[in-house]
């Protein structure tokens, strides 16, 4: 495995605003070649951070979306036995049926290992996986190699990827797992930071509209009885909806009329709570 001798530094991207503390932990994790574990509620930008790092440093991004039923081997490689069986039956394939290696396909971690250039490897929502998956995965990432048992071959990483791991904190991670990662909790943005985020996405937006939307948004997040609070992405989509409506008037929002609640609230129960608060009817 080639050791990365460069020292790229991340300071943000075209559509991603971050604070100094987050920038520091990203850069320290890259320098120490340690996985960075990000926790926080959905919509705080954990997943988008990996996209932003890839954009800023011009590195390929490989995304492993973790599923509850996923086995570690699926993230490393897959042996396509069905295709090999069909090839052996019909004999019209250009592949050599006797060569099992031709039927080995790399999973997302395997792709990051064999890539020609250094990659960003995003392991998204690790808390969905069981403890054995988590710990065994970090063993592979520590050693930067894994075995393909069907062909008795060891795959070693050509270059160590930049590893970003996200968790929505729905389930506790094991102590060994936590001990082998750098950690950062991304808190939900305060209004000042949210204004910076909105300015990046809507640079021509008026101060009056931006301030009114943000104030209304935080009031909606504080409604009692809401299960899934609207996140940053919902706010951005809501503003897009308002700006696309030729009949929308910011004064109506300032007076307590909140249109397009369905863009902000995705659960029917939450939508009913919000609609009742503003005297609207949900069908």
Protein backbone atom coordinates (compact mmCIF):
# COMPACT_ATOMS: atom_id res chain seq x y z
CA UNK A 1 0.00 0.00 0.00
CA UNK A 2 1.26 3.43 -0.94
CA UNK A 3 1.43 5.90 1.93
CA UNK A 4 -0.07 9.27 1.13
CA UNK A 5 2.75 11.78 1.28
CA UNK A 6 0.69 14.82 0.36
CA UNK A 7 -1.05 16.93 2.97
CA UNK A 8 -4.35 18.11 1.49
CA UNK A 9 -6.43 20.37 3.70
CA UNK A 10 -10.17 20.78 3.73
CA UNK A 11 -11.76 24.17 4.40
CA UNK A 12 -15.23 23.81 2.88
CA UNK A 13 -16.87 23.48 -0.51
CA UNK A 14 -19.11 25.46 -2.81
CA UNK A 15 -22.33 24.37 -1.09
CA UNK A 16 -21.04 23.30 2.32
CA UNK A 17 -20.49 25.67 5.23
CA UNK A 18 -18.58 24.32 8.22
CA UNK A 19 -17.17 25.72 11.45
CA UNK A 20 -13.51 25.74 12.39
CA UNK A 21 -13.81 22.82 14.81
CA UNK A 22 -15.24 20.49 12.16
CA UNK A 23 -12.60 21.55 9.63
CA UNK A 24 -9.88 20.80 12.19
CA UNK A 25 -11.12 17.30 13.02
CA UNK A 26 -11.44 16.46 9.31
CA UNK A 27 -7.87 17.56 8.64
CA UNK A 28 -6.48 15.85 11.75
CA UNK A 29 -8.22 12.60 10.79
CA UNK A 30 -6.70 12.74 7.31
CA UNK A 31 -3.25 13.48 8.72
CA UNK A 32 -3.48 10.63 11.27
CA UNK A 33 -5.10 8.31 8.69
CA UNK A 34 -7.92 7.49 11.12
CA UNK A 35 -11.61 7.04 10.33
CA UNK A 36 -13.75 10.03 11.28
CA UNK A 37 -17.03 9.09 12.96
CA UNK A 38 -19.74 11.73 12.67
CA UNK A 39 -22.84 11.67 14.85
CA UNK A 40 -25.85 13.95 14.83
CA UNK A 41 -29.53 14.04 14.03
CA UNK A 42 -30.60 13.53 10.41
CA UNK A 43 -30.19 16.63 8.27
CA UNK A 44 -27.14 18.08 10.00
CA UNK A 45 -24.87 17.52 7.01
CA UNK A 46 -23.01 14.36 8.00
CA UNK A 47 -23.38 12.64 4.65
CA UNK A 48 -22.90 15.84 2.68
CA UNK A 49 -19.57 16.43 4.42
CA UNK A 50 -18.04 13.48 2.57
CA UNK A 51 -19.35 14.86 -0.73
CA UNK A 52 -17.90 18.27 0.15
CA UNK A 53 -14.47 16.81 0.99
CA UNK A 54 -14.45 14.91 -2.30
CA UNK A 55 -15.38 18.08 -4.21
CA UNK A 56 -12.88 20.29 -2.40
CA UNK A 57 -9.93 17.89 -2.66
CA UNK A 58 -10.95 16.57 -6.10
CA UNK A 59 -10.96 12.98 -4.92
CA UNK A 60 -13.32 10.19 -6.04
CA UNK A 61 -16.15 9.40 -3.62
CA UNK A 62 -17.29 5.83 -2.91
CA UNK A 63 -20.43 5.43 -0.78
CA UNK A 64 -21.32 2.34 1.25
CA UNK A 65 -24.95 2.63 2.39
CA UNK A 66 -25.16 0.29 5.36
CA UNK A 67 -28.26 -1.91 5.66
CA UNK A 68 -29.41 -3.82 8.73
CA UNK A 69 -29.13 -7.17 6.91
CA UNK A 70 -25.73 -6.44 5.33
CA UNK A 71 -22.84 -8.83 5.82
CA UNK A 72 -19.28 -7.51 5.82
CA UNK A 73 -18.30 -9.68 2.87
CA UNK A 74 -20.91 -7.84 0.76
CA UNK A 75 -19.04 -4.59 1.39
CA UNK A 76 -15.72 -6.25 0.45
CA UNK A 77 -16.57 -8.35 -2.62
CA UNK A 78 -19.22 -10.56 -4.20
CA UNK A 79 -18.72 -13.90 -5.94
CA UNK A 80 -21.24 -14.05 -8.78
CA UNK A 81 -22.03 -17.77 -8.72
CA UNK A 82 -25.23 -17.35 -10.75
CA UNK A 83 -23.48 -15.76 -13.73
CA UNK A 84 -20.78 -18.43 -13.62
CA UNK A 85 -23.41 -21.15 -13.58
CA UNK A 86 -25.19 -19.61 -16.59
CA UNK A 87 -21.91 -19.25 -18.46
CA UNK A 88 -21.07 -22.90 -17.84
CA UNK A 89 -24.53 -23.97 -19.07
CA UNK A 90 -24.75 -21.92 -22.23
CA UNK A 91 -21.08 -21.55 -23.13
CA UNK A 92 -21.52 -18.27 -24.99
CA UNK A 93 -19.59 -16.03 -22.61
CA UNK A 94 -16.16 -14.52 -23.27
CA UNK A 95 -15.23 -15.24 -19.65
CA UNK A 96 -13.17 -18.27 -18.69
CA UNK A 97 -15.57 -20.33 -16.56
CA UNK A 98 -12.66 -22.17 -14.93
CA UNK A 99 -11.24 -18.85 -13.68
CA UNK A 100 -13.29 -17.92 -10.59
CA UNK A 101 -11.54 -14.54 -10.36
CA UNK A 102 -13.46 -13.39 -13.43
CA UNK A 103 -16.65 -13.70 -11.37
CA UNK A 104 -15.41 -11.70 -8.39
CA UNK A 105 -16.83 -8.19 -8.17
CA UNK A 106 -15.55 -5.67 -5.65
CA UNK A 107 -17.91 -4.22 -3.07
CA UNK A 108 -17.64 -0.59 -1.98
CA UNK A 109 -14.74 -1.12 0.44
CA UNK A 110 -13.01 -3.32 -2.12
CA UNK A 111 -13.44 -0.61 -4.76
CA UNK A 112 -11.77 1.93 -2.46
CA UNK A 113 -8.87 -0.47 -1.90
CA UNK A 114 -8.17 -1.21 -5.57
CA UNK A 115 -8.75 2.34 -6.87
CA UNK A 116 -5.83 3.85 -8.78
CA UNK A 117 -6.03 7.12 -6.82
CA UNK A 118 -6.83 7.89 -3.19
CA UNK A 119 -10.56 8.00 -2.55
CA UNK A 120 -13.06 9.26 0.00
CA UNK A 121 -14.88 6.24 1.45
CA UNK A 122 -18.20 7.18 3.06
CA UNK A 123 -19.71 4.49 5.27
CA UNK A 124 -23.19 5.85 5.82
CA UNK A 125 -25.40 5.03 8.83
CA UNK A 126 -23.13 2.47 10.49
CA UNK A 127 -25.54 2.26 13.43
CA UNK A 128 -27.86 0.16 11.24
CA UNK A 129 -25.35 -2.70 11.30
CA UNK A 130 -24.79 -5.18 14.12
CA UNK A 131 -21.78 -5.00 16.41
CA UNK A 132 -19.89 -7.83 14.67
CA UNK A 133 -20.16 -6.02 11.33
CA UNK A 134 -18.87 -2.80 12.88
CA UNK A 135 -15.88 -4.34 14.65
CA UNK A 136 -14.91 -6.67 11.78
CA UNK A 137 -15.12 -3.78 9.33
CA UNK A 138 -12.71 -1.72 11.41
CA UNK A 139 -10.32 -4.70 11.55
CA UNK A 140 -10.27 -4.64 7.74
CA UNK A 141 -9.81 -0.86 7.68
CA UNK A 142 -7.00 -1.06 10.24
CA UNK A 143 -5.13 -3.73 8.29
CA UNK A 144 -6.05 -2.26 4.90
CA UNK A 145 -6.48 -5.73 3.46
CA UNK A 146 -8.95 -8.62 3.23
CA UNK A 147 -9.00 -12.17 1.87
CA UNK A 148 -11.08 -13.52 -1.01
CA UNK A 149 -11.50 -17.07 0.20
CA UNK A 150 -12.85 -18.46 -3.10
CA UNK A 151 -9.56 -17.78 -4.87
CA UNK A 152 -7.22 -17.71 -1.84
CA UNK A 153 -6.14 -14.17 -2.59
CA UNK A 154 -5.40 -11.21 -0.33
CA UNK A 155 -6.49 -7.78 -1.54
CA UNK A 156 -4.36 -4.98 -0.09
CA UNK A 157 -5.22 -1.32 -0.42
CA UNK A 158 -3.14 0.52 -3.00
CA UNK A 159 -3.65 3.72 -1.03
CA UNK A 160 -5.39 4.32 2.28
CA UNK A 161 -8.76 6.01 1.64
CA UNK A 162 -10.07 8.94 3.65
CA UNK A 163 -12.76 7.24 5.71
CA UNK A 164 -15.89 9.08 6.86
CA UNK A 165 -18.41 7.11 8.95
CA UNK A 166 -21.83 8.48 9.88
CA UNK A 167 -24.26 7.51 12.61
CA UNK A 168 -27.71 8.87 13.41
CA UNK A 169 -27.17 7.73 17.02
CA UNK A 170 -30.16 5.38 16.85
CA UNK A 171 -28.09 2.61 18.40
CA UNK A 172 -24.98 2.66 20.61
CA UNK A 173 -21.72 1.69 18.93
CA UNK A 174 -19.28 -0.66 20.67
CA UNK A 175 -16.43 0.71 22.77
CA UNK A 176 -13.76 -0.93 20.55
CA UNK A 177 -15.37 0.72 17.53
CA UNK A 178 -15.45 4.14 19.17
CA UNK A 179 -11.87 3.75 20.37
CA UNK A 180 -10.56 3.27 16.83
CA UNK A 181 -12.14 6.39 15.33
CA UNK A 182 -11.85 10.11 15.72
CA UNK A 183 -15.23 11.47 16.74
CA UNK A 184 -17.23 14.62 16.09
CA UNK A 185 -20.83 15.44 16.95
CA UNK A 186 -22.44 17.77 14.44
CA UNK A 187 -24.97 19.82 16.35
CA UNK A 188 -27.98 21.29 14.58
CA UNK A 189 -26.99 24.73 13.25
CA UNK A 190 -27.79 27.82 15.31
CA UNK A 191 -29.66 30.59 13.44
CA UNK A 192 -26.46 32.49 12.63
CA UNK A 193 -24.86 29.42 11.05
CA UNK A 194 -28.11 28.61 9.28
CA UNK A 195 -28.08 32.08 7.74
CA UNK A 196 -24.60 31.38 6.36
CA UNK A 197 -25.86 28.11 4.89
CA UNK A 198 -28.88 29.81 3.32
CA UNK A 199 -26.68 32.55 1.86
CA UNK A 200 -24.56 29.91 0.12
CA UNK A 201 -27.61 28.27 -1.47
CA UNK A 202 -29.50 31.51 -2.20
CA UNK A 203 -26.91 34.28 -2.71
CA UNK A 204 -29.45 36.69 -4.20
CA UNK A 205 -32.09 36.20 -1.54
CA UNK A 206 -33.28 39.33 0.24
CA UNK A 207 -32.44 39.86 3.92
CA UNK A 208 -36.13 40.17 4.78
CA UNK A 209 -37.04 36.83 3.22
CA UNK A 210 -34.02 35.01 4.64
CA UNK A 211 -34.57 36.27 8.19
CA UNK A 212 -38.33 35.64 8.07
CA UNK A 213 -37.90 32.08 6.73
CA UNK A 214 -35.26 31.19 9.29
CA UNK A 215 -37.30 32.60 12.19
CA UNK A 216 -40.41 30.68 11.06
CA UNK A 217 -38.36 27.52 10.55
CA UNK A 218 -37.02 27.47 14.12
CA UNK A 219 -40.50 28.10 15.53
CA UNK A 220 -41.75 25.10 13.54
CA UNK A 221 -38.92 22.94 14.86
CA UNK A 222 -39.97 23.84 18.41
CA UNK A 223 -43.60 22.74 18.00
CA UNK A 224 -44.67 20.28 20.66
CA UNK A 225 -45.77 16.87 19.49
CA UNK A 226 -43.57 16.76 16.39
CA UNK A 227 -41.74 13.44 15.96
CA UNK A 228 -39.45 14.32 13.05
CA UNK A 229 -38.31 17.92 13.15
CA UNK A 230 -37.61 19.55 9.78
CA UNK A 231 -33.90 19.62 8.98
CA UNK A 232 -31.68 21.89 6.89
CA UNK A 233 -32.57 20.14 3.63
CA UNK A 234 -36.28 20.71 4.34
CA UNK A 235 -35.63 24.40 4.97
CA UNK A 236 -33.74 24.72 1.66
CA UNK A 237 -36.51 22.92 -0.24
CA UNK A 238 -39.16 25.04 1.51
CA UNK A 239 -37.42 28.26 0.49
CA UNK A 240 -37.20 26.96 -3.08
CA UNK A 241 -40.96 26.35 -3.01
CA UNK A 242 -41.66 29.84 -1.67
CA UNK A 243 -39.44 31.50 -4.27
CA UNK A 244 -41.05 29.49 -7.07
CA UNK A 245 -44.53 30.67 -6.09
CA UNK A 246 -45.30 33.95 -7.93
CA UNK A 247 -48.14 34.67 -5.47
CA UNK A 248 -46.02 34.31 -2.33
CA UNK A 249 -45.62 37.47 -0.26
CA UNK A 250 -43.11 37.59 2.58
CA UNK A 251 -45.53 39.76 4.55
CA UNK A 252 -47.98 36.86 4.78
CA UNK A 253 -45.25 34.73 6.38
CA UNK A 254 -44.40 37.55 8.76
CA UNK A 255 -48.08 37.60 9.73
CA UNK A 256 -48.06 33.94 10.65
CA UNK A 257 -49.30 32.30 7.44
CA UNK A 258 -47.06 29.33 6.63
CA UNK A 259 -47.58 27.80 3.17
CA UNK A 260 -46.21 24.46 1.94
CA UNK A 261 -46.07 22.79 5.36
CA UNK A 262 -45.88 19.47 3.52
CA UNK A 263 -42.39 20.40 2.30
CA UNK A 264 -41.20 20.78 5.90
CA UNK A 265 -43.03 17.91 7.60
CA UNK A 266 -42.83 14.43 6.04
CA UNK A 267 -44.83 12.47 8.62
CA UNK A 268 -48.62 12.79 8.49
CA UNK A 269 -48.89 13.16 12.27
CA UNK A 270 -46.32 15.98 12.31
CA UNK A 271 -48.07 17.70 9.42
CA UNK A 272 -51.37 17.61 11.30
CA UNK A 273 -49.72 19.11 14.41
CA UNK A 274 -48.22 21.95 12.37
CA UNK A 275 -51.39 22.57 10.38
CA UNK A 276 -53.49 22.75 13.57
CA UNK A 277 -51.06 25.30 15.01
CA UNK A 278 -51.66 27.60 12.01
CA UNK A 279 -55.35 26.91 11.56
CA UNK A 280 -54.90 24.94 8.35
CA UNK A 281 -56.71 21.80 7.23
CA UNK A 282 -54.89 18.66 6.14
CA UNK A 283 -56.78 16.18 3.99
